[in-house]
C-alpha atoms as a PDB file:
ATOM      1  CA  UNK A   1     -18.251 -14.956  -2.951  1.00  0.00           C
ATOM      2  CA  UNK A   2     -19.093 -17.240  -5.651  1.00  0.00           C
ATOM      3  CA  UNK A   3     -18.418 -15.027  -9.728  1.00  0.00           C
ATOM      4  CA  UNK A   4     -15.581 -13.264  -8.114  1.00  0.00           C
ATOM      5  CA  UNK A   5     -11.733 -13.850  -9.146  1.00  0.00           C
ATOM      6  CA  UNK A   6      -8.384 -14.808  -6.422  1.00  0.00           C
ATOM      7  CA  UNK A   7      -5.841 -12.848  -5.973  1.00  0.00           C
ATOM      8  CA  UNK A   8      -2.434 -15.002  -6.388  1.00  0.00           C
ATOM      9  CA  UNK A   9      -2.371 -16.887  -4.031  1.00  0.00           C
ATOM     10  CA  UNK A  10       1.536 -16.097  -3.358  1.00  0.00           C
ATOM     11  CA  UNK A  11       0.526 -12.384  -1.889  1.00  0.00           C
ATOM     12  CA  UNK A  12      -2.585 -13.425   0.231  1.00  0.00           C
ATOM     13  CA  UNK A  13      -2.571 -12.699   3.884  1.00  0.00           C
ATOM     14  CA  UNK A  14      -3.797 -14.110   6.719  1.00  0.00           C
ATOM     15  CA  UNK A  15      -5.165 -11.658   8.708  1.00  0.00           C
ATOM     16  CA  UNK A  16      -6.392 -13.922  11.682  1.00  0.00           C
ATOM     17  CA  UNK A  17      -2.428 -15.812  12.089  1.00  0.00           C
ATOM     18  CA  UNK A  18      -1.504 -12.054  12.759  1.00  0.00           C
ATOM     19  CA  UNK A  19      -3.726  -9.557  13.660  1.00  0.00           C
ATOM     20  CA  UNK A  20      -1.818  -6.656  14.828  1.00  0.00           C
ATOM     21  CA  UNK A  21       0.919  -7.580  12.278  1.00  0.00           C
ATOM     22  CA  UNK A  22       3.158  -5.222   9.550  1.00  0.00           C
ATOM     23  CA  UNK A  23       0.692  -6.520   6.942  1.00  0.00           C
ATOM     24  CA  UNK A  24      -2.481  -5.507   8.423  1.00  0.00           C
ATOM     25  CA  UNK A  25      -1.554  -1.964   9.625  1.00  0.00           C
ATOM     26  CA  UNK A  26      -0.708  -0.963   6.223  1.00  0.00           C
ATOM     27  CA  UNK A  27      -3.808  -2.566   4.822  1.00  0.00           C
ATOM     28  CA  UNK A  28      -5.668  -0.462   7.736  1.00  0.00           C
ATOM     29  CA  UNK A  29      -4.138   2.625   7.247  1.00  0.00           C
ATOM     30  CA  UNK A  30      -4.882   2.947   3.270  1.00  0.00           C
ATOM     31  CA  UNK A  31      -8.352   1.472   3.819  1.00  0.00           C
ATOM     32  CA  UNK A  32      -9.226   3.595   6.641  1.00  0.00           C
ATOM     33  CA  UNK A  33      -7.340   6.764   3.612  1.00  0.00           C
ATOM     34  CA  UNK A  34     -10.350   5.801   1.530  1.00  0.00           C
ATOM     35  CA  UNK A  35     -13.088   4.803   3.314  1.00  0.00           C
ATOM     36  CA  UNK A  36     -13.142   8.272   4.740  1.00  0.00           C
ATOM     37  CA  UNK A  37     -11.217  10.057   1.113  1.00  0.00           C
ATOM     38  CA  UNK A  38      -8.959  11.639   3.861  1.00  0.00           C
ATOM     39  CA  UNK A  39      -5.154  10.480   2.101  1.00  0.00           C
ATOM     40  CA  UNK A  40      -3.044   8.743   4.953  1.00  0.00           C
ATOM     41  CA  UNK A  41       0.681   8.897   5.840  1.00  0.00           C
ATOM     42  CA  UNK A  42       2.746   6.620   3.951  1.00  0.00           C
ATOM     43  CA  UNK A  43       3.061   3.131   4.223  1.00  0.00           C
ATOM     44  CA  UNK A  44       7.214   2.244   4.348  1.00  0.00           C
ATOM     45  CA  UNK A  45       7.566   2.938   8.033  1.00  0.00           C
ATOM     46  CA  UNK A  46       4.996   0.091   8.926  1.00  0.00           C
ATOM     47  CA  UNK A  47       6.161  -2.704   6.290  1.00  0.00           C
ATOM     48  CA  UNK A  48      10.208  -3.487   5.516  1.00  0.00           C
ATOM     49  CA  UNK A  49      12.406  -1.671   3.170  1.00  0.00           C
ATOM     50  CA  UNK A  50      12.333  -2.282   0.431  1.00  0.00           C
ATOM     51  CA  UNK A  51      10.410  -5.616   0.687  1.00  0.00           C
ATOM     52  CA  UNK A  52       7.516  -5.739  -2.637  1.00  0.00           C
ATOM     53  CA  UNK A  53       6.878  -8.943  -1.789  1.00  0.00           C
ATOM     54  CA  UNK A  54       5.245  -7.175   2.045  1.00  0.00           C
ATOM     55  CA  UNK A  55       3.099  -4.293  -0.230  1.00  0.00           C
ATOM     56  CA  UNK A  56       2.651  -6.835  -2.512  1.00  0.00           C
ATOM     57  CA  UNK A  57       0.673  -8.722   0.698  1.00  0.00           C
ATOM     58  CA  UNK A  58      -1.271  -5.294   1.643  1.00  0.00           C
ATOM     59  CA  UNK A  59      -2.610  -5.150  -1.952  1.00  0.00           C
ATOM     60  CA  UNK A  60      -4.120  -9.090  -1.964  1.00  0.00           C
ATOM     61  CA  UNK A  61      -5.878  -8.115   1.592  1.00  0.00           C
ATOM     62  CA  UNK A  62      -7.354  -4.705   0.314  1.00  0.00           C
ATOM     63  CA  UNK A  63      -8.501  -6.714  -2.612  1.00  0.00           C
ATOM     64  CA  UNK A  64     -10.188  -9.346  -0.790  1.00  0.00           C
ATOM     65  CA  UNK A  65     -11.903  -7.127   1.480  1.00  0.00           C
ATOM     66  CA  UNK A  66     -13.849  -5.293  -1.988  1.00  0.00           C
ATOM     67  CA  UNK A  67     -14.835  -8.876  -3.133  1.00  0.00           C
ATOM     68  CA  UNK A  68     -16.228  -9.442   0.071  1.00  0.00           C
ATOM     69  CA  UNK A  69     -18.012  -6.155   0.139  1.00  0.00           C
ATOM     70  CA  UNK A  70     -19.269  -6.883  -3.688  1.00  0.00           C
ATOM     71  CA  UNK A  71     -16.771  -5.920  -5.899  1.00  0.00           C
ATOM     72  CA  UNK A  72     -15.900  -8.068  -8.896  1.00  0.00           C
ATOM     73  CA  UNK A  73     -12.028  -8.367 -10.300  1.00  0.00           C
ATOM     74  CA  UNK A  74     -12.016  -7.112 -13.851  1.00  0.00           C
ATOM     75  CA  UNK A  75      -8.588  -7.093 -15.084  1.00  0.00           C
ATOM     76  CA  UNK A  76      -5.008  -6.012 -13.997  1.00  0.00           C
ATOM     77  CA  UNK A  77      -3.246  -2.655 -14.765  1.00  0.00           C
ATOM     78  CA  UNK A  78       0.726  -2.448 -15.227  1.00  0.00           C
ATOM     79  CA  UNK A  79       3.176   0.882 -13.469  1.00  0.00           C
ATOM     80  CA  UNK A  80       5.821   1.979 -13.667  1.00  0.00           C
ATOM     81  CA  UNK A  81       6.146   1.032 -17.420  1.00  0.00           C
ATOM     82  CA  UNK A  82       8.614   4.459 -17.674  1.00  0.00           C
ATOM     83  CA  UNK A  83      12.813   4.232 -16.586  1.00  0.00           C
ATOM     84  CA  UNK A  84      12.449   7.716 -14.903  1.00  0.00           C
ATOM     85  CA  UNK A  85      10.371   6.551 -12.630  1.00  0.00           C
ATOM     86  CA  UNK A  86      11.017   3.668 -11.826  1.00  0.00           C
ATOM     87  CA  UNK A  87      14.879   5.372 -10.980  1.00  0.00           C
ATOM     88  CA  UNK A  88      13.064   7.567  -8.633  1.00  0.00           C
ATOM     89  CA  UNK A  89      11.490   5.462  -6.975  1.00  0.00           C
ATOM     90  CA  UNK A  90      14.003   2.904  -7.167  1.00  0.00           C
ATOM     91  CA  UNK A  91      13.260  -0.645  -9.023  1.00  0.00           C
ATOM     92  CA  UNK A  92      13.809  -2.070 -12.241  1.00  0.00           C
ATOM     93  CA  UNK A  93      10.651  -3.588 -12.662  1.00  0.00           C
ATOM     94  CA  UNK A  94       7.441  -2.849 -13.591  1.00  0.00           C
ATOM     95  CA  UNK A  95       4.726  -3.120 -10.718  1.00  0.00           C
ATOM     96  CA  UNK A  96       0.829  -4.262 -11.244  1.00  0.00           C
ATOM     97  CA  UNK A  97      -2.648  -3.776  -9.377  1.00  0.00           C
ATOM     98  CA  UNK A  98      -6.163  -4.919  -9.724  1.00  0.00           C
ATOM     99  CA  UNK A  99      -9.108  -3.307 -11.762  1.00  0.00           C
ATOM    100  CA  UNK A 100     -12.371  -3.600 -10.655  1.00  0.00           C
ATOM    101  CA  UNK A 101     -15.733  -3.141 -11.368  1.00  0.00           C
ATOM    102  CA  UNK A 102     -16.840  -0.011  -9.665  1.00  0.00           C
ATOM    103  CA  UNK A 103     -13.768   1.798 -11.047  1.00  0.00           C
ATOM    104  CA  UNK A 104     -14.659   1.297 -14.800  1.00  0.00           C
ATOM    105  CA  UNK A 105     -16.526   4.686 -15.528  1.00  0.00           C
ATOM    106  CA  UNK A 106     -18.187   5.059 -18.859  1.00  0.00           C
ATOM    107  CA  UNK A 107     -16.444   7.275 -22.143  1.00  0.00           C
ATOM    108  CA  UNK A 108     -17.124  11.311 -21.682  1.00  0.00           C
ATOM    109  CA  UNK A 109     -19.277  10.049 -18.396  1.00  0.00           C
ATOM    110  CA  UNK A 110     -18.549  12.261 -14.773  1.00  0.00           C
ATOM    111  CA  UNK A 111     -17.013  11.150 -12.526  1.00  0.00           C
ATOM    112  CA  UNK A 112     -17.750  12.774  -9.192  1.00  0.00           C
ATOM    113  CA  UNK A 113     -14.834  14.792  -8.271  1.00  0.00           C
ATOM    114  CA  UNK A 114     -13.249  13.037  -4.672  1.00  0.00           C
ATOM    115  CA  UNK A 115     -14.467   9.653  -5.888  1.00  0.00           C
ATOM    116  CA  UNK A 116     -10.715   9.420  -6.628  1.00  0.00           C
ATOM    117  CA  UNK A 117      -7.617  11.240  -3.849  1.00  0.00           C
ATOM    118  CA  UNK A 118      -5.873  13.212  -5.614  1.00  0.00           C
ATOM    119  CA  UNK A 119      -6.173  12.482  -9.357  1.00  0.00           C
ATOM    120  CA  UNK A 120      -4.235  12.994 -11.991  1.00  0.00           C
ATOM    121  CA  UNK A 121      -4.445  11.371 -15.368  1.00  0.00           C
ATOM    122  CA  UNK A 122      -2.340   9.318 -18.132  1.00  0.00           C
ATOM    123  CA  UNK A 123      -3.324   7.542 -21.918  1.00  0.00           C
ATOM    124  CA  UNK A 124      -2.647   4.329 -22.150  1.00  0.00           C
ATOM    125  CA  UNK A 125      -3.437   1.189 -24.549  1.00  0.00           C
ATOM    126  CA  UNK A 126      -5.661  -0.768 -22.995  1.00  0.00           C
ATOM    127  CA  UNK A 127      -5.803  -5.162 -24.406  1.00  0.00           C
ATOM    128  CA  UNK A 128      -9.062  -6.773 -23.968  1.00  0.00           C
ATOM    129  CA  UNK A 129      -7.720 -10.398 -23.846  1.00  0.00           C
ATOM    130  CA  UNK A 130     -10.427 -14.030 -25.477  1.00  0.00           C
ATOM    131  CA  UNK A 131      -8.042 -16.356 -24.249  1.00  0.00           C
ATOM    132  CA  UNK A 132      -6.509 -17.136 -21.096  1.00  0.00           C
ATOM    133  CA  UNK A 133      -2.902 -16.769 -20.914  1.00  0.00           C
ATOM    134  CA  UNK A 134      -1.461 -19.606 -18.276  1.00  0.00           C
ATOM    135  CA  UNK A 135       2.142 -20.857 -20.330  1.00  0.00           C
ATOM    136  CA  UNK A 136       4.543 -20.491 -17.483  1.00  0.00           C
ATOM    137  CA  UNK A 137       6.108 -17.946 -20.011  1.00  0.00           C
ATOM    138  CA  UNK A 138       4.890 -15.986 -23.383  1.00  0.00           C
ATOM    139  CA  UNK A 139       6.036 -15.181 -26.595  1.00  0.00           C
ATOM    140  CA  UNK A 140       4.914 -11.711 -27.854  1.00  0.00           C
ATOM    141  CA  UNK A 141       2.938 -13.885 -30.616  1.00  0.00           C
ATOM    142  CA  UNK A 142       1.270 -15.637 -27.176  1.00  0.00           C
ATOM    143  CA  UNK A 143       0.199 -11.827 -26.367  1.00  0.00           C
ATOM    144  CA  UNK A 144      -0.846 -11.348 -29.772  1.00  0.00           C
ATOM    145  CA  UNK A 145      -3.360 -14.413 -30.044  1.00  0.00           C
ATOM    146  CA  UNK A 146      -4.706 -13.834 -26.471  1.00  0.00           C
ATOM    147  CA  UNK A 147      -5.538 -10.227 -27.500  1.00  0.00           C
ATOM    148  CA  UNK A 148      -9.565  -9.913 -29.221  1.00  0.00           C
ATOM    149  CA  UNK A 149      -8.494  -6.279 -29.788  1.00  0.00           C
ATOM    150  CA  UNK A 150      -7.201  -2.908 -28.208  1.00  0.00           C
ATOM    151  CA  UNK A 151      -9.151  -0.142 -27.509  1.00  0.00           C
ATOM    152  CA  UNK A 152      -7.367   3.644 -26.176  1.00  0.00           C
ATOM    153  CA  UNK A 153      -8.037   4.263 -22.892  1.00  0.00           C
ATOM    154  CA  UNK A 154      -7.282   6.615 -19.477  1.00  0.00           C
ATOM    155  CA  UNK A 155      -6.187   5.963 -16.507  1.00  0.00           C
ATOM    156  CA  UNK A 156      -7.069   8.007 -13.209  1.00  0.00           C
ATOM    157  CA  UNK A 157      -4.273   7.368 -11.233  1.00  0.00           C
ATOM    158  CA  UNK A 158      -5.062   8.347  -6.614  1.00  0.00           C
ATOM    159  CA  UNK A 159      -2.905   7.789  -3.882  1.00  0.00           C
ATOM    160  CA  UNK A 160      -4.308   6.845  -1.121  1.00  0.00           C
ATOM    161  CA  UNK A 161      -0.568   8.777   0.621  1.00  0.00           C
ATOM    162  CA  UNK A 162      -0.558  12.444   0.816  1.00  0.00           C
ATOM    163  CA  UNK A 163       1.071  14.481  -1.320  1.00  0.00           C
ATOM    164  CA  UNK A 164       2.125  11.175  -3.256  1.00  0.00           C
ATOM    165  CA  UNK A 165       4.792  10.557  -1.193  1.00  0.00           C
ATOM    166  CA  UNK A 166       5.634   7.134  -2.145  1.00  0.00           C
ATOM    167  CA  UNK A 167       8.303   5.064  -2.751  1.00  0.00           C
ATOM    168  CA  UNK A 168       7.307   1.368  -4.851  1.00  0.00           C
ATOM    169  CA  UNK A 169       6.426  -0.177  -1.143  1.00  0.00           C
ATOM    170  CA  UNK A 170       3.857   2.989  -0.970  1.00  0.00           C
ATOM    171  CA  UNK A 171       2.310   2.424  -4.517  1.00  0.00           C
ATOM    172  CA  UNK A 172       2.827  -1.448  -4.348  1.00  0.00           C
ATOM    173  CA  UNK A 173       0.081  -1.444  -1.088  1.00  0.00           C
ATOM    174  CA  UNK A 174      -2.138   1.153  -2.384  1.00  0.00           C
ATOM    175  CA  UNK A 175      -3.340  -1.310  -5.831  1.00  0.00           C
ATOM    176  CA  UNK A 176      -0.581   0.146  -8.097  1.00  0.00           C
ATOM    177  CA  UNK A 177      -2.377   3.955  -7.471  1.00  0.00           C
ATOM    178  CA  UNK A 178      -5.222   2.725  -8.885  1.00  0.00           C
ATOM    179  CA  UNK A 179      -7.748   4.961  -8.545  1.00  0.00           C
ATOM    180  CA  UNK A 180     -10.850   4.505 -12.223  1.00  0.00           C
ATOM    181  CA  UNK A 181     -10.114   4.295 -15.860  1.00  0.00           C
ATOM    182  CA  UNK A 182     -11.643   4.753 -18.279  1.00  0.00           C
ATOM    183  CA  UNK A 183     -12.255   2.873 -21.770  1.00  0.00           C
ATOM    184  CA  UNK A 184     -12.623   3.765 -25.734  1.00  0.00           C
ATOM    185  CA  UNK A 185     -15.974   2.332 -27.548  1.00  0.00           C
ATOM    186  CA  UNK A 186     -13.594   1.307 -30.649  1.00  0.00           C
ATOM    187  CA  UNK A 187     -12.785  -2.181 -30.567  1.00  0.00           C
ATOM    188  CA  UNK A 188      -9.374  -2.469 -32.605  1.00  0.00           C
ATOM    189  CA  UNK A 189      -8.099  -5.663 -33.566  1.00  0.00           C
ATOM    190  CA  UNK A 190      -3.538  -5.720 -33.231  1.00  0.00           C
ATOM    191  CA  UNK A 191      -3.506  -6.961 -37.064  1.00  0.00           C
ATOM    192  CA  UNK A 192      -4.358  -3.088 -37.945  1.00  0.00           C
ATOM    193  CA  UNK A 193      -1.940  -1.753 -35.530  1.00  0.00           C
ATOM    194  CA  UNK A 194       1.620  -0.534 -35.058  1.00  0.00           C
ATOM    195  CA  UNK A 195       2.049   0.263 -31.215  1.00  0.00           C
ATOM    196  CA  UNK A 196       5.832   0.719 -30.493  1.00  0.00           C
ATOM    197  CA  UNK A 197       5.404   3.782 -32.720  1.00  0.00           C
ATOM    198  CA  UNK A 198       2.124   5.125 -32.126  1.00  0.00           C
ATOM    199  CA  UNK A 199       1.701   8.501 -31.278  1.00  0.00           C
ATOM    200  CA  UNK A 200      -0.868   9.909 -28.312  1.00  0.00           C
ATOM    201  CA  UNK A 201      -1.919  13.495 -27.530  1.00  0.00           C
ATOM    202  CA  UNK A 202      -3.883  13.863 -24.146  1.00  0.00           C
ATOM    203  CA  UNK A 203      -5.877  16.799 -23.803  1.00  0.00           C
ATOM    204  CA  UNK A 204      -7.328  19.192 -21.523  1.00  0.00           C
ATOM    205  CA  UNK A 205     -10.525  21.635 -23.164  1.00  0.00           C
ATOM    206  CA  UNK A 206      -8.675  21.233 -26.501  1.00  0.00           C
ATOM    207  CA  UNK A 207      -4.879  22.339 -25.302  1.00  0.00           C
ATOM    208  CA  UNK A 208      -1.993  19.106 -25.118  1.00  0.00           C
ATOM    209  CA  UNK A 209      -0.986  18.783 -21.547  1.00  0.00           C
ATOM    210  CA  UNK A 210       1.142  15.288 -22.424  1.00  0.00           C
ATOM    211  CA  UNK A 211       2.676  13.404 -25.588  1.00  0.00           C
ATOM    212  CA  UNK A 212       3.408  10.325 -26.235  1.00  0.00           C
ATOM    213  CA  UNK A 213       4.213   7.316 -27.883  1.00  0.00           C
ATOM    214  CA  UNK A 214       4.309   3.328 -27.741  1.00  0.00           C
ATOM    215  CA  UNK A 215       7.833   2.851 -27.707  1.00  0.00           C
ATOM    216  CA  UNK A 216       6.981   4.679 -23.931  1.00  0.00           C
ATOM    217  CA  UNK A 217       5.976   2.111 -22.066  1.00  0.00           C
ATOM    218  CA  UNK A 218       8.551  -0.563 -21.742  1.00  0.00           C
ATOM    219  CA  UNK A 219       9.459  -0.245 -24.915  1.00  0.00           C
ATOM    220  CA  UNK A 220       6.159  -1.183 -26.532  1.00  0.00           C
ATOM    221  CA  UNK A 221       2.424  -2.133 -24.496  1.00  0.00           C
ATOM    222  CA  UNK A 222       2.531  -5.183 -25.784  1.00  0.00           C
ATOM    223  CA  UNK A 223       6.010  -5.986 -23.526  1.00  0.00           C
ATOM    224  CA  UNK A 224       3.765  -4.523 -20.760  1.00  0.00           C
ATOM    225  CA  UNK A 225       1.589  -7.137 -21.246  1.00  0.00           C
ATOM    226  CA  UNK A 226       3.903  -9.843 -21.529  1.00  0.00           C
ATOM    227  CA  UNK A 227       5.386  -9.248 -18.210  1.00  0.00           C
ATOM    228  CA  UNK A 228       1.810  -9.269 -16.493  1.00  0.00           C
ATOM    229  CA  UNK A 229       1.524 -12.634 -18.168  1.00  0.00           C
ATOM    230  CA  UNK A 230       4.772 -13.913 -16.308  1.00  0.00           C
ATOM    231  CA  UNK A 231       4.489 -12.534 -13.398  1.00  0.00           C
ATOM    232  CA  UNK A 232       1.168 -13.260 -12.397  1.00  0.00           C
ATOM    233  CA  UNK A 233       1.625 -17.258 -14.160  1.00  0.00           C
ATOM    234  CA  UNK A 234       4.058 -16.964 -11.529  1.00  0.00           C
ATOM    235  CA  UNK A 235       1.226 -15.926  -8.585  1.00  0.00           C
ATOM    236  CA  UNK A 236      -0.113 -18.758  -9.243  1.00  0.00           C
ATOM    237  CA  UNK A 237      -3.159 -16.531 -10.560  1.00  0.00           C
ATOM    238  CA  UNK A 238      -2.763 -15.872 -14.909  1.00  0.00           C
ATOM    239  CA  UNK A 239      -4.617 -13.425 -16.957  1.00  0.00           C
ATOM    240  CA  UNK A 240      -8.023 -15.371 -18.052  1.00  0.00           C
ATOM    241  CA  UNK A 241     -10.132 -14.182 -20.709  1.00  0.00           C
ATOM    242  CA  UNK A 242     -12.282 -11.616 -20.889  1.00  0.00           C
ATOM    243  CA  UNK A 243      -9.592  -9.772 -18.248  1.00  0.00           C
ATOM    244  CA  UNK A 244      -8.575  -6.075 -19.381  1.00  0.00           C
ATOM    245  CA  UNK A 245      -5.216  -5.067 -19.392  1.00  0.00           C
ATOM    246  CA  UNK A 246      -3.301  -1.398 -18.917  1.00  0.00           C
ATOM    247  CA  UNK A 247      -0.382  -1.744 -19.519  1.00  0.00           C
ATOM    248  CA  UNK A 248       1.148   1.474 -18.775  1.00  0.00           C
ATOM    249  CA  UNK A 249       0.942   5.651 -19.665  1.00  0.00           C
ATOM    250  CA  UNK A 250       2.371   6.823 -23.341  1.00  0.00           C
ATOM    251  CA  UNK A 251       3.469   9.691 -21.699  1.00  0.00           C
ATOM    252  CA  UNK A 252       3.665  12.095 -18.507  1.00  0.00           C
ATOM    253  CA  UNK A 253       0.577  12.028 -16.593  1.00  0.00           C
ATOM    254  CA  UNK A 254      -1.228  14.535 -15.885  1.00  0.00           C
ATOM    255  CA  UNK A 255      -3.183  16.769 -13.130  1.00  0.00           C
ATOM    256  CA  UNK A 256      -6.279  17.334 -12.850  1.00  0.00           C
ATOM    257  CA  UNK A 257      -9.045  19.758 -11.346  1.00  0.00           C
ATOM    258  CA  UNK A 258     -12.842  19.711 -10.667  1.00  0.00           C
ATOM    259  CA  UNK A 259     -14.813  20.711 -14.464  1.00  0.00           C
ATOM    260  CA  UNK A 260     -11.865  19.328 -16.333  1.00  0.00           C
ATOM    261  CA  UNK A 261     -12.504  17.451 -19.372  1.00  0.00           C
ATOM    262  CA  UNK A 262     -10.120  14.667 -20.701  1.00  0.00           C
ATOM    263  CA  UNK A 263      -9.509  14.193 -24.456  1.00  0.00           C
ATOM    264  CA  UNK A 264      -6.993  11.053 -25.254  1.00  0.00           C
ATOM    265  CA  UNK A 265      -6.328   9.995 -28.788  1.00  0.00           C
ATOM    266  CA  UNK A 266      -3.931   7.151 -29.933  1.00  0.00           C
ATOM    267  CA  UNK A 267      -3.289   6.672 -33.324  1.00  0.00           C
ATOM    268  CA  UNK A 268      -4.897   3.636 -34.662  1.00  0.00           C
ATOM    269  CA  UNK A 269      -7.246   3.770 -31.568  1.00  0.00           C
ATOM    270  CA  UNK A 270      -9.226   6.881 -31.877  1.00  0.00           C
ATOM    271  CA  UNK A 271     -10.710   8.857 -29.061  1.00  0.00           C
ATOM    272  CA  UNK A 272     -11.504   8.693 -25.461  1.00  0.00           C
ATOM    273  CA  UNK A 273     -12.378  10.757 -23.189  1.00  0.00           C
ATOM    274  CA  UNK A 274     -12.819  11.505 -18.602  1.00  0.00           C
ATOM    275  CA  UNK A 275     -14.899  13.880 -17.343  1.00  0.00           C
ATOM    276  CA  UNK A 276     -14.366  15.349 -14.009  1.00  0.00           C
ATOM    277  CA  UNK A 277     -17.358  16.976 -11.894  1.00  0.00           C
ATOM    278  CA  UNK A 278     -17.179  20.212 -10.236  1.00  0.00           C
ATOM    279  CA  UNK A 279     -18.598  19.514  -7.231  1.00  0.00           C
ATOM    280  CA  UNK A 280     -15.878  19.124  -4.100  1.00  0.00           C
ATOM    281  CA  UNK A 281     -17.488  17.780  -1.686  1.00  0.00           C
ATOM    282  CA  UNK A 282     -16.550  14.389  -3.244  1.00  0.00           C
ATOM    283  CA  UNK A 283     -17.970  11.141  -2.030  1.00  0.00           C
ATOM    284  CA  UNK A 284     -15.480   8.601  -0.298  1.00  0.00           C
ATOM    285  CA  UNK A 285     -13.579   5.918  -3.391  1.00  0.00           C
ATOM    286  CA  UNK A 286     -15.240   2.576  -3.795  1.00  0.00           C
ATOM    287  CA  UNK A 287     -18.616   5.359  -5.054  1.00  0.00           C
ATOM    288  CA  UNK A 288     -17.647   6.685  -7.900  1.00  0.00           C
ATOM    289  CA  UNK A 289     -21.174   5.544  -9.794  1.00  0.00           C
END
């Protein structure tokens, strides 16, 4: 649709050419889970073990369907930025997913319970770009020059896969377990921050539930943005001015329950709040607002 950004060319599936192929079958399973708000079985029984390219093809196909429904790409998220989580899932690299406009929740606004399946939350640094990052290989200086400002963020991760029974193939196919995201409203220039040492605390009703610092995210949140920039260029879809980049968790994620209010504070960036509705009837994903 006009105005929508395309997904990476190398990860585009053609369901007409292979209507019953593994990519289409895995996408169908995850899409049904989203539409019915009912978690499904993992997709690693459909995709070849360790086939990350196929998993990204599933992600791209699902994204294309959302764009056809009228959604808009607002940016990208980096996941698996912790060495411990990478080891747990048997990979040695981060992953990425797409951010869509209907998953952006205003700071402190109520997110209906059920809008994200099996939600958990983590605090992150978000970067908002004012320049494209389209070089074949970037430096940290390129990322700094391209960044308009940083914001504190809470990512509400969710899984369409039942009981979070995931491998790397499952989470990548499931858009890197993306659910929703909340951005703070006080933009800060990078020159005023030391993101590597910036401390983070995530609280539930005033009680700390997760702590960490910028160094927990690939050693520095800018390293995660650099990895994403280089990866997307190789796939033919560079980061563009206006994109929001969620750089990865600064500490362990925490489970959430109906009625929870979470507040993340990141040194130098201020705070951001995520509030969850108490109505457990919920609604299917993709209707968060």
